[in-house]
Amino acid sequence: MYIYNVTINIEETIHDVWLNWMKEEHIPDMLATGKFSKALMSKVLVDEEMGGLTYSVQYTTDSKETLQKYYDEDADHLRAKGNRFAGKFVAFRTELEIVSKQNV
């Protein structure tokens, strides 16, 4: 299993509109690709020097190959939909491999 993690710092002036868009449009669009089995959105509780609010969105996928298919088939189109927030956010993406999962 793999996690495609996107960490985003969004300006406070556009935060509420962006957060609604993420929850109502972008995350559902990501899941609708069929390449991710779930998404978890978390607010980062550390204050950033640059200001704004920071979130991490983790999309779970079954394999590196499926993640590559997302990059090849869907990433450009879905990222372009966020252009309405251009200049108001900074994002970086990380690929994580799940090594161990434990439950209580």
PDB file of N, CA and C in Angstrom:
ATOM      1  N   MET A   1       0.841  -1.186   0.000  1.00  0.00           N
ATOM      2  CA  MET A   1       0.000   0.000   0.000  1.00  0.00           C
ATOM      3  C   MET A   1       0.884   1.246   0.000  1.00  0.00           C
ATOM      4  N   TYR A   2       0.367   2.275  -0.650  1.00  0.00           N
ATOM      5  CA  TYR A   2       1.085   3.538  -0.754  1.00  0.00           C
ATOM      6  C   TYR A   2       0.158   4.685  -0.374  1.00  0.00           C
ATOM      7  N   ILE A   3       0.776   5.753   0.088  1.00  0.00           N
ATOM      8  CA  ILE A   3       0.049   6.981   0.382  1.00  0.00           C
ATOM      9  C   ILE A   3       0.636   8.087  -0.478  1.00  0.00           C
ATOM     10  N   TYR A   4      -0.236   8.780  -1.163  1.00  0.00           N
ATOM     11  CA  TYR A   4       0.120   9.985  -1.899  1.00  0.00           C
ATOM     12  C   TYR A   4      -0.282  11.142  -0.990  1.00  0.00           C
ATOM     13  N   ASN A   5       0.696  11.818  -0.411  1.00  0.00           N
ATOM     14  CA  ASN A   5       0.466  12.882   0.556  1.00  0.00           C
ATOM     15  C   ASN A   5       0.657  14.240  -0.109  1.00  0.00           C
ATOM     16  N   VAL A   6      -0.329  15.113   0.061  1.00  0.00           N
ATOM     17  CA  VAL A   6      -0.225  16.479  -0.445  1.00  0.00           C
ATOM     18  C   VAL A   6      -0.357  17.406   0.758  1.00  0.00           C
ATOM     19  N   THR A   7       0.678  18.207   1.007  1.00  0.00           N
ATOM     20  CA  THR A   7       0.665  19.176   2.096  1.00  0.00           C
ATOM     21  C   THR A   7       0.486  20.552   1.472  1.00  0.00           C
ATOM     22  N   ILE A   8      -0.509  21.275   1.960  1.00  0.00           N
ATOM     23  CA  ILE A   8      -0.880  22.565   1.376  1.00  0.00           C
ATOM     24  C   ILE A   8      -0.931  23.633   2.460  1.00  0.00           C
ATOM     25  N   ASN A   9      -0.302  24.771   2.196  1.00  0.00           N
ATOM     26  CA  ASN A   9      -0.446  25.948   3.049  1.00  0.00           C
ATOM     27  C   ASN A   9      -1.285  26.943   2.259  1.00  0.00           C
ATOM     28  N   ILE A  10      -2.425  27.328   2.821  1.00  0.00           N
ATOM     29  CA  ILE A  10      -3.376  28.207   2.132  1.00  0.00           C
ATOM     30  C   ILE A  10      -3.499  29.534   2.886  1.00  0.00           C
ATOM     31  N   GLU A  11      -3.570  30.611   2.143  1.00  0.00           N
ATOM     32  CA  GLU A  11      -3.737  31.922   2.763  1.00  0.00           C
ATOM     33  C   GLU A  11      -5.078  31.997   3.482  1.00  0.00           C
ATOM     34  N   GLU A  12      -5.096  32.678   4.599  1.00  0.00           N
ATOM     35  CA  GLU A  12      -6.314  32.786   5.389  1.00  0.00           C
ATOM     36  C   GLU A  12      -7.430  33.511   4.638  1.00  0.00           C
ATOM     37  N   THR A  13      -7.082  34.431   3.745  1.00  0.00           N
ATOM     38  CA  THR A  13      -8.092  35.214   3.024  1.00  0.00           C
ATOM     39  C   THR A  13      -8.981  34.352   2.132  1.00  0.00           C
ATOM     40  N   ILE A  14      -8.510  33.208   1.698  1.00  0.00           N
ATOM     41  CA  ILE A  14      -9.256  32.336   0.789  1.00  0.00           C
ATOM     42  C   ILE A  14      -9.567  30.982   1.440  1.00  0.00           C
ATOM     43  N   HIS A  15      -9.150  30.817   2.684  1.00  0.00           N
ATOM     44  CA  HIS A  15      -9.226  29.531   3.372  1.00  0.00           C
ATOM     45  C   HIS A  15     -10.596  28.867   3.316  1.00  0.00           C
ATOM     46  N   ASP A  16     -11.643  29.588   3.702  1.00  0.00           N
ATOM     47  CA  ASP A  16     -12.969  28.963   3.806  1.00  0.00           C
ATOM     48  C   ASP A  16     -13.473  28.461   2.453  1.00  0.00           C
ATOM     49  N   VAL A  17     -13.283  29.251   1.418  1.00  0.00           N
ATOM     50  CA  VAL A  17     -13.703  28.847   0.069  1.00  0.00           C
ATOM     51  C   VAL A  17     -12.891  27.636  -0.374  1.00  0.00           C
ATOM     52  N   TRP A  18     -11.578  27.681  -0.158  1.00  0.00           N
ATOM     53  CA  TRP A  18     -10.697  26.573  -0.536  1.00  0.00           C
ATOM     54  C   TRP A  18     -11.061  25.294   0.216  1.00  0.00           C
ATOM     55  N   LEU A  19     -11.277  25.392   1.526  1.00  0.00           N
ATOM     56  CA  LEU A  19     -11.594  24.206   2.325  1.00  0.00           C
ATOM     57  C   LEU A  19     -12.888  23.556   1.831  1.00  0.00           C
ATOM     58  N   ASN A  20     -13.889  24.360   1.552  1.00  0.00           N
ATOM     59  CA  ASN A  20     -15.142  23.822   1.020  1.00  0.00           C
ATOM     60  C   ASN A  20     -14.900  23.142  -0.332  1.00  0.00           C
ATOM     61  N   TRP A  21     -14.126  23.776  -1.200  1.00  0.00           N
ATOM     62  CA  TRP A  21     -13.800  23.192  -2.505  1.00  0.00           C
ATOM     63  C   TRP A  21     -13.079  21.861  -2.346  1.00  0.00           C
ATOM     64  N   MET A  22     -12.137  21.803  -1.427  1.00  0.00           N
ATOM     65  CA  MET A  22     -11.411  20.546  -1.192  1.00  0.00           C
ATOM     66  C   MET A  22     -12.366  19.440  -0.773  1.00  0.00           C
ATOM     67  N   LYS A  23     -13.227  19.720   0.198  1.00  0.00           N
ATOM     68  CA  LYS A  23     -14.118  18.696   0.751  1.00  0.00           C
ATOM     69  C   LYS A  23     -15.247  18.318  -0.203  1.00  0.00           C
ATOM     70  N   GLU A  24     -15.768  19.306  -0.935  1.00  0.00           N
ATOM     71  CA  GLU A  24     -16.937  19.062  -1.776  1.00  0.00           C
ATOM     72  C   GLU A  24     -16.593  18.683  -3.217  1.00  0.00           C
ATOM     73  N   GLU A  25     -15.436  19.110  -3.714  1.00  0.00           N
ATOM     74  CA  GLU A  25     -15.093  18.865  -5.119  1.00  0.00           C
ATOM     75  C   GLU A  25     -13.792  18.078  -5.306  1.00  0.00           C
ATOM     76  N   HIS A  26     -12.684  18.636  -4.820  1.00  0.00           N
ATOM     77  CA  HIS A  26     -11.391  18.066  -5.183  1.00  0.00           C
ATOM     78  C   HIS A  26     -11.174  16.653  -4.639  1.00  0.00           C
ATOM     79  N   ILE A  27     -11.398  16.452  -3.358  1.00  0.00           N
ATOM     80  CA  ILE A  27     -11.189  15.110  -2.800  1.00  0.00           C
ATOM     81  C   ILE A  27     -12.147  14.105  -3.438  1.00  0.00           C
ATOM     82  N   PRO A  28     -13.448  14.427  -3.597  1.00  0.00           N
ATOM     83  CA  PRO A  28     -14.320  13.491  -4.317  1.00  0.00           C
ATOM     84  C   PRO A  28     -13.849  13.215  -5.745  1.00  0.00           C
ATOM     85  N   ASP A  29     -13.329  14.238  -6.442  1.00  0.00           N
ATOM     86  CA  ASP A  29     -12.795  14.023  -7.795  1.00  0.00           C
ATOM     87  C   ASP A  29     -11.594  13.083  -7.778  1.00  0.00           C
ATOM     88  N   MET A  30     -10.741  13.239  -6.784  1.00  0.00           N
ATOM     89  CA  MET A  30      -9.576  12.349  -6.659  1.00  0.00           C
ATOM     90  C   MET A  30     -10.035  10.908  -6.459  1.00  0.00           C
ATOM     91  N   LEU A  31     -10.988  10.705  -5.573  1.00  0.00           N
ATOM     92  CA  LEU A  31     -11.491   9.355  -5.307  1.00  0.00           C
ATOM     93  C   LEU A  31     -12.226   8.790  -6.525  1.00  0.00           C
ATOM     94  N   ALA A  32     -12.874   9.660  -7.290  1.00  0.00           N
ATOM     95  CA  ALA A  32     -13.623   9.220  -8.475  1.00  0.00           C
ATOM     96  C   ALA A  32     -12.717   8.685  -9.580  1.00  0.00           C
ATOM     97  N   THR A  33     -11.415   8.942  -9.502  1.00  0.00           N
ATOM     98  CA  THR A  33     -10.507   8.377 -10.505  1.00  0.00           C
ATOM     99  C   THR A  33     -10.438   6.858 -10.385  1.00  0.00           C
ATOM    100  N   GLY A  34     -10.829   6.334  -9.220  1.00  0.00           N
ATOM    101  CA  GLY A  34     -10.743   4.897  -8.984  1.00  0.00           C
ATOM    102  C   GLY A  34      -9.355   4.427  -8.618  1.00  0.00           C
ATOM    103  N   LYS A  35      -8.448   5.362  -8.441  1.00  0.00           N
ATOM    104  CA  LYS A  35      -7.053   4.999  -8.161  1.00  0.00           C
ATOM    105  C   LYS A  35      -6.705   5.079  -6.673  1.00  0.00           C
ATOM    106  N   PHE A  36      -7.622   5.605  -5.883  1.00  0.00           N
ATOM    107  CA  PHE A  36      -7.402   5.734  -4.445  1.00  0.00           C
ATOM    108  C   PHE A  36      -8.576   5.110  -3.694  1.00  0.00           C
ATOM    109  N   SER A  37      -8.278   4.412  -2.618  1.00  0.00           N
ATOM    110  CA  SER A  37      -9.331   3.744  -1.853  1.00  0.00           C
ATOM    111  C   SER A  37      -9.889   4.604  -0.724  1.00  0.00           C
ATOM    112  N   LYS A  38      -9.120   5.597  -0.288  1.00  0.00           N
ATOM    113  CA  LYS A  38      -9.611   6.501   0.748  1.00  0.00           C
ATOM    114  C   LYS A  38      -8.762   7.758   0.775  1.00  0.00           C
ATOM    115  N   ALA A  39      -9.311   8.776   1.443  1.00  0.00           N
ATOM    116  CA  ALA A  39      -8.599  10.042   1.619  1.00  0.00           C
ATOM    117  C   ALA A  39      -8.788  10.486   3.055  1.00  0.00           C
ATOM    118  N   LEU A  40      -7.735  11.020   3.634  1.00  0.00           N
ATOM    119  CA  LEU A  40      -7.759  11.536   4.997  1.00  0.00           C
ATOM    120  C   LEU A  40      -7.191  12.950   4.968  1.00  0.00           C
ATOM    121  N   MET A  41      -7.998  13.914   5.378  1.00  0.00           N
ATOM    122  CA  MET A  41      -7.548  15.311   5.419  1.00  0.00           C
ATOM    123  C   MET A  41      -7.330  15.709   6.860  1.00  0.00           C
ATOM    124  N   SER A  42      -6.151  16.242   7.150  1.00  0.00           N
ATOM    125  CA  SER A  42      -5.791  16.650   8.510  1.00  0.00           C
ATOM    126  C   SER A  42      -5.292  18.086   8.501  1.00  0.00           C
ATOM    127  N   LYS A  43      -5.611  18.807   9.566  1.00  0.00           N
ATOM    128  CA  LYS A  43      -5.082  20.157   9.734  1.00  0.00           C
ATOM    129  C   LYS A  43      -3.780  20.051  10.522  1.00  0.00           C
ATOM    130  N   VAL A  44      -2.738  20.694  10.032  1.00  0.00           N
ATOM    131  CA  VAL A  44      -1.451  20.722  10.722  1.00  0.00           C
ATOM    132  C   VAL A  44      -1.547  21.759  11.830  1.00  0.00           C
ATOM    133  N   LEU A  45      -1.186  21.359  13.044  1.00  0.00           N
ATOM    134  CA  LEU A  45      -1.384  22.218  14.211  1.00  0.00           C
ATOM    135  C   LEU A  45      -0.148  23.025  14.597  1.00  0.00           C
ATOM    136  N   VAL A  46       0.782  23.165  13.681  1.00  0.00           N
ATOM    137  CA  VAL A  46       1.985  23.962  13.912  1.00  0.00           C
ATOM    138  C   VAL A  46       1.817  25.284  13.163  1.00  0.00           C
ATOM    139  N   ASP A  47       2.054  26.388  13.847  1.00  0.00           N
ATOM    140  CA  ASP A  47       1.986  27.689  13.190  1.00  0.00           C
ATOM    141  C   ASP A  47       3.173  27.847  12.253  1.00  0.00           C
ATOM    142  N   GLU A  48       2.889  28.263  11.023  1.00  0.00           N
ATOM    143  CA  GLU A  48       3.927  28.481  10.025  1.00  0.00           C
ATOM    144  C   GLU A  48       4.433  29.920  10.093  1.00  0.00           C
ATOM    145  N   GLU A  49       5.735  30.093   9.943  1.00  0.00           N
ATOM    146  CA  GLU A  49       6.317  31.440   9.936  1.00  0.00           C
ATOM    147  C   GLU A  49       5.720  32.296   8.835  1.00  0.00           C
ATOM    148  N   MET A  50       5.410  31.660   7.688  1.00  0.00           N
ATOM    149  CA  MET A  50       4.889  32.410   6.548  1.00  0.00           C
ATOM    150  C   MET A  50       3.406  32.725   6.695  1.00  0.00           C
ATOM    151  N   GLY A  51       2.780  32.231   7.775  1.00  0.00           N
ATOM    152  CA  GLY A  51       1.360  32.465   7.985  1.00  0.00           C
ATOM    153  C   GLY A  51       0.524  31.424   7.261  1.00  0.00           C
ATOM    154  N   GLY A  52      -0.750  31.696   7.153  1.00  0.00           N
ATOM    155  CA  GLY A  52      -1.654  30.769   6.494  1.00  0.00           C
ATOM    156  C   GLY A  52      -1.969  29.565   7.371  1.00  0.00           C
ATOM    157  N   LEU A  53      -2.752  28.670   6.809  1.00  0.00           N
ATOM    158  CA  LEU A  53      -3.140  27.439   7.487  1.00  0.00           C
ATOM    159  C   LEU A  53      -2.648  26.265   6.642  1.00  0.00           C
ATOM    160  N   THR A  54      -2.202  25.213   7.302  1.00  0.00           N
ATOM    161  CA  THR A  54      -1.606  24.085   6.596  1.00  0.00           C
ATOM    162  C   THR A  54      -2.431  22.821   6.819  1.00  0.00           C
ATOM    163  N   TYR A  55      -2.592  22.076   5.735  1.00  0.00           N
ATOM    164  CA  TYR A  55      -3.322  20.814   5.752  1.00  0.00           C
ATOM    165  C   TYR A  55      -2.494  19.732   5.064  1.00  0.00           C
ATOM    166  N   SER A  56      -2.748  18.504   5.469  1.00  0.00           N
ATOM    167  CA  SER A  56      -2.181  17.341   4.808  1.00  0.00           C
ATOM    168  C   SER A  56      -3.344  16.479   4.333  1.00  0.00           C
ATOM    169  N   VAL A  57      -3.309  16.088   3.067  1.00  0.00           N
ATOM    170  CA  VAL A  57      -4.320  15.176   2.534  1.00  0.00           C
ATOM    171  C   VAL A  57      -3.586  13.916   2.093  1.00  0.00           C
ATOM    172  N   GLN A  58      -4.001  12.787   2.648  1.00  0.00           N
ATOM    173  CA  GLN A  58      -3.361  11.503   2.349  1.00  0.00           C
ATOM    174  C   GLN A  58      -4.337  10.617   1.593  1.00  0.00           C
ATOM    175  N   TYR A  59      -3.936  10.274   0.376  1.00  0.00           N
ATOM    176  CA  TYR A  59      -4.730   9.403  -0.488  1.00  0.00           C
ATOM    177  C   TYR A  59      -4.071   8.026  -0.509  1.00  0.00           C
ATOM    178  N   THR A  60      -4.815   6.989  -0.153  1.00  0.00           N
ATOM    179  CA  THR A  60      -4.276   5.633  -0.110  1.00  0.00           C
ATOM    180  C   THR A  60      -4.512   4.942  -1.447  1.00  0.00           C
ATOM    181  N   THR A  61      -3.467   4.281  -1.945  1.00  0.00           N
ATOM    182  CA  THR A  61      -3.554   3.539  -3.205  1.00  0.00           C
ATOM    183  C   THR A  61      -2.895   2.176  -3.045  1.00  0.00           C
ATOM    184  N   ASP A  62      -3.221   1.256  -3.934  1.00  0.00           N
ATOM    185  CA  ASP A  62      -2.772  -0.123  -3.775  1.00  0.00           C
ATOM    186  C   ASP A  62      -1.345  -0.388  -4.238  1.00  0.00           C
ATOM    187  N   SER A  63      -0.825   0.439  -5.156  1.00  0.00           N
ATOM    188  CA  SER A  63       0.505   0.139  -5.699  1.00  0.00           C
ATOM    189  C   SER A  63       1.152   1.378  -6.299  1.00  0.00           C
ATOM    190  N   LYS A  64       2.427   1.294  -6.491  1.00  0.00           N
ATOM    191  CA  LYS A  64       3.189   2.355  -7.154  1.00  0.00           C
ATOM    192  C   LYS A  64       2.706   2.511  -8.603  1.00  0.00           C
ATOM    193  N   GLU A  65       2.325   1.391  -9.213  1.00  0.00           N
ATOM    194  CA  GLU A  65       1.837   1.416 -10.597  1.00  0.00           C
ATOM    195  C   GLU A  65       0.522   2.195 -10.707  1.00  0.00           C
ATOM    196  N   THR A  66      -0.367   1.994  -9.751  1.00  0.00           N
ATOM    197  CA  THR A  66      -1.627   2.728  -9.756  1.00  0.00           C
ATOM    198  C   THR A  66      -1.388   4.216  -9.540  1.00  0.00           C
ATOM    199  N   LEU A  67      -0.446   4.545  -8.668  1.00  0.00           N
ATOM    200  CA  LEU A  67      -0.093   5.947  -8.442  1.00  0.00           C
ATOM    201  C   LEU A  67       0.471   6.556  -9.727  1.00  0.00           C
ATOM    202  N   GLN A  68       1.279   5.808 -10.430  1.00  0.00           N
ATOM    203  CA  GLN A  68       1.829   6.296 -11.705  1.00  0.00           C
ATOM    204  C   GLN A  68       0.713   6.528 -12.723  1.00  0.00           C
ATOM    205  N   LYS A  69      -0.279   5.653 -12.734  1.00  0.00           N
ATOM    206  CA  LYS A  69      -1.424   5.852 -13.629  1.00  0.00           C
ATOM    207  C   LYS A  69      -2.151   7.151 -13.288  1.00  0.00           C
ATOM    208  N   TYR A  70      -2.251   7.458 -11.994  1.00  0.00           N
ATOM    209  CA  TYR A  70      -2.853   8.730 -11.600  1.00  0.00           C
ATOM    210  C   TYR A  70      -2.060   9.893 -12.190  1.00  0.00           C
ATOM    211  N   TYR A  71      -0.735   9.845 -12.048  1.00  0.00           N
ATOM    212  CA  TYR A  71       0.101  10.914 -12.610  1.00  0.00           C
ATOM    213  C   TYR A  71      -0.110  11.030 -14.120  1.00  0.00           C
ATOM    214  N   ASP A  72      -0.127   9.893 -14.797  1.00  0.00           N
ATOM    215  CA  ASP A  72      -0.216   9.881 -16.265  1.00  0.00           C
ATOM    216  C   ASP A  72      -1.589  10.294 -16.782  1.00  0.00           C
ATOM    217  N   GLU A  73      -2.651   9.897 -16.087  1.00  0.00           N
ATOM    218  CA  GLU A  73      -4.004  10.054 -16.614  1.00  0.00           C
ATOM    219  C   GLU A  73      -4.821  11.181 -15.984  1.00  0.00           C
ATOM    220  N   ASP A  74      -4.525  11.542 -14.744  1.00  0.00           N
ATOM    221  CA  ASP A  74      -5.433  12.432 -14.018  1.00  0.00           C
ATOM    222  C   ASP A  74      -4.797  13.666 -13.393  1.00  0.00           C
ATOM    223  N   ALA A  75      -3.540  13.606 -13.030  1.00  0.00           N
ATOM    224  CA  ALA A  75      -2.928  14.654 -12.206  1.00  0.00           C
ATOM    225  C   ALA A  75      -3.015  16.041 -12.832  1.00  0.00           C
ATOM    226  N   ASP A  76      -2.636  16.180 -14.085  1.00  0.00           N
ATOM    227  CA  ASP A  76      -2.618  17.506 -14.705  1.00  0.00           C
ATOM    228  C   ASP A  76      -4.009  18.135 -14.700  1.00  0.00           C
ATOM    229  N   HIS A  77      -5.002  17.347 -15.091  1.00  0.00           N
ATOM    230  CA  HIS A  77      -6.379  17.854 -15.160  1.00  0.00           C
ATOM    231  C   HIS A  77      -6.892  18.265 -13.780  1.00  0.00           C
ATOM    232  N   LEU A  78      -6.669  17.414 -12.777  1.00  0.00           N
ATOM    233  CA  LEU A  78      -7.185  17.725 -11.438  1.00  0.00           C
ATOM    234  C   LEU A  78      -6.431  18.874 -10.786  1.00  0.00           C
ATOM    235  N   ARG A  79      -5.135  18.950 -11.019  1.00  0.00           N
ATOM    236  CA  ARG A  79      -4.370  20.080 -10.459  1.00  0.00           C
ATOM    237  C   ARG A  79      -4.795  21.391 -11.100  1.00  0.00           C
ATOM    238  N   ALA A  80      -5.115  21.358 -12.392  1.00  0.00           N
ATOM    239  CA  ALA A  80      -5.526  22.571 -13.103  1.00  0.00           C
ATOM    240  C   ALA A  80      -6.812  23.155 -12.523  1.00  0.00           C
ATOM    241  N   LYS A  81      -7.676  22.304 -11.985  1.00  0.00           N
ATOM    242  CA  LYS A  81      -8.916  22.795 -11.385  1.00  0.00           C
ATOM    243  C   LYS A  81      -8.642  23.684 -10.173  1.00  0.00           C
ATOM    244  N   GLY A  82      -7.478  23.539  -9.565  1.00  0.00           N
ATOM    245  CA  GLY A  82      -7.108  24.362  -8.419  1.00  0.00           C
ATOM    246  C   GLY A  82      -6.494  25.689  -8.806  1.00  0.00           C
ATOM    247  N   ASN A  83      -6.369  25.952 -10.101  1.00  0.00           N
ATOM    248  CA  ASN A  83      -5.753  27.205 -10.554  1.00  0.00           C
ATOM    249  C   ASN A  83      -6.517  28.435 -10.090  1.00  0.00           C
ATOM    250  N   ARG A  84      -7.775  28.254  -9.719  1.00  0.00           N
ATOM    251  CA  ARG A  84      -8.546  29.395  -9.216  1.00  0.00           C
ATOM    252  C   ARG A  84      -7.960  29.934  -7.917  1.00  0.00           C
ATOM    253  N   PHE A  85      -7.108  29.133  -7.263  1.00  0.00           N
ATOM    254  CA  PHE A  85      -6.458  29.554  -6.018  1.00  0.00           C
ATOM    255  C   PHE A  85      -4.982  29.903  -6.230  1.00  0.00           C
ATOM    256  N   ALA A  86      -4.572  30.013  -7.488  1.00  0.00           N
ATOM    257  CA  ALA A  86      -3.170  30.283  -7.828  1.00  0.00           C
ATOM    258  C   ALA A  86      -2.663  31.520  -7.092  1.00  0.00           C
ATOM    259  N   GLY A  87      -1.445  31.413  -6.560  1.00  0.00           N
ATOM    260  CA  GLY A  87      -0.828  32.503  -5.839  1.00  0.00           C
ATOM    261  C   GLY A  87      -1.281  32.614  -4.393  1.00  0.00           C
ATOM    262  N   LYS A  88      -2.232  31.796  -3.989  1.00  0.00           N
ATOM    263  CA  LYS A  88      -2.776  31.853  -2.628  1.00  0.00           C
ATOM    264  C   LYS A  88      -2.384  30.630  -1.800  1.00  0.00           C
ATOM    265  N   PHE A  89      -1.630  29.703  -2.395  1.00  0.00           N
ATOM    266  CA  PHE A  89      -1.235  28.502  -1.668  1.00  0.00           C
ATOM    267  C   PHE A  89       0.132  28.012  -2.128  1.00  0.00           C
ATOM    268  N   VAL A  90       0.721  27.200  -1.280  1.00  0.00           N
ATOM    269  CA  VAL A  90       1.956  26.483  -1.602  1.00  0.00           C
ATOM    270  C   VAL A  90       1.666  25.024  -1.292  1.00  0.00           C
ATOM    271  N   ALA A  91       2.067  24.134  -2.194  1.00  0.00           N
ATOM    272  CA  ALA A  91       1.816  22.702  -1.977  1.00  0.00           C
ATOM    273  C   ALA A  91       3.083  21.907  -2.286  1.00  0.00           C
ATOM    274  N   PHE A  92       3.267  20.826  -1.541  1.00  0.00           N
ATOM    275  CA  PHE A  92       4.289  19.860  -1.924  1.00  0.00           C
ATOM    276  C   PHE A  92       3.733  18.464  -1.739  1.00  0.00           C
ATOM    277  N   ARG A  93       4.229  17.574  -2.573  1.00  0.00           N
ATOM    278  CA  ARG A  93       3.706  16.213  -2.636  1.00  0.00           C
ATOM    279  C   ARG A  93       4.775  15.219  -2.246  1.00  0.00           C
ATOM    280  N   THR A  94       4.346  14.175  -1.529  1.00  0.00           N
ATOM    281  CA  THR A  94       5.253  13.139  -1.057  1.00  0.00           C
ATOM    282  C   THR A  94       4.617  11.784  -1.288  1.00  0.00           C
ATOM    283  N   GLU A  95       5.407  10.824  -1.737  1.00  0.00           N
ATOM    284  CA  GLU A  95       4.950   9.444  -1.856  1.00  0.00           C
ATOM    285  C   GLU A  95       5.463   8.666  -0.654  1.00  0.00           C
ATOM    286  N   LEU A  96       4.562   7.940  -0.008  1.00  0.00           N
ATOM    287  CA  LEU A  96       4.915   7.156   1.177  1.00  0.00           C
ATOM    288  C   LEU A  96       4.553   5.689   0.940  1.00  0.00           C
ATOM    289  N   GLU A  97       5.412   4.798   1.366  1.00  0.00           N
ATOM    290  CA  GLU A  97       5.111   3.372   1.326  1.00  0.00           C
ATOM    291  C   GLU A  97       4.754   2.916   2.735  1.00  0.00           C
ATOM    292  N   ILE A  98       3.605   2.274   2.882  1.00  0.00           N
ATOM    293  CA  ILE A  98       3.193   1.767   4.193  1.00  0.00           C
ATOM    294  C   ILE A  98       4.033   0.534   4.519  1.00  0.00           C
ATOM    295  N   VAL A  99       4.744   0.605   5.614  1.00  0.00           N
ATOM    296  CA  VAL A  99       5.633  -0.481   6.030  1.00  0.00           C
ATOM    297  C   VAL A  99       4.939  -1.376   7.050  1.00  0.00           C
ATOM    298  N   SER A 100       4.156  -0.769   7.926  1.00  0.00           N
ATOM    299  CA  SER A 100       3.479  -1.524   8.978  1.00  0.00           C
ATOM    300  C   SER A 100       2.194  -0.814   9.351  1.00  0.00           C
ATOM    301  N   LYS A 101       1.164  -1.586   9.640  1.00  0.00           N
ATOM    302  CA  LYS A 101      -0.099  -1.030  10.099  1.00  0.00           C
ATOM    303  C   LYS A 101      -0.545  -1.842  11.304  1.00  0.00           C
ATOM    304  N   GLN A 102      -0.842  -1.144  12.391  1.00  0.00           N
ATOM    305  CA  GLN A 102      -1.253  -1.819  13.616  1.00  0.00           C
ATOM    306  C   GLN A 102      -2.507  -1.163  14.157  1.00  0.00           C
ATOM    307  N   ASN A 103      -3.392  -1.957  14.665  1.00  0.00           N
ATOM    308  CA  ASN A 103      -4.617  -1.460  15.284  1.00  0.00           C
ATOM    309  C   ASN A 103      -4.696  -1.968  16.708  1.00  0.00           C
ATOM    310  N   VAL A 104      -5.408  -1.237  17.549  1.00  0.00           N
ATOM    311  CA  VAL A 104      -5.601  -1.651  18.939  1.00  0.00           C
ATOM    312  C   VAL A 104      -6.673  -2.714  18.989  1.00  0.00           C
TER     313      VAL A 104
END
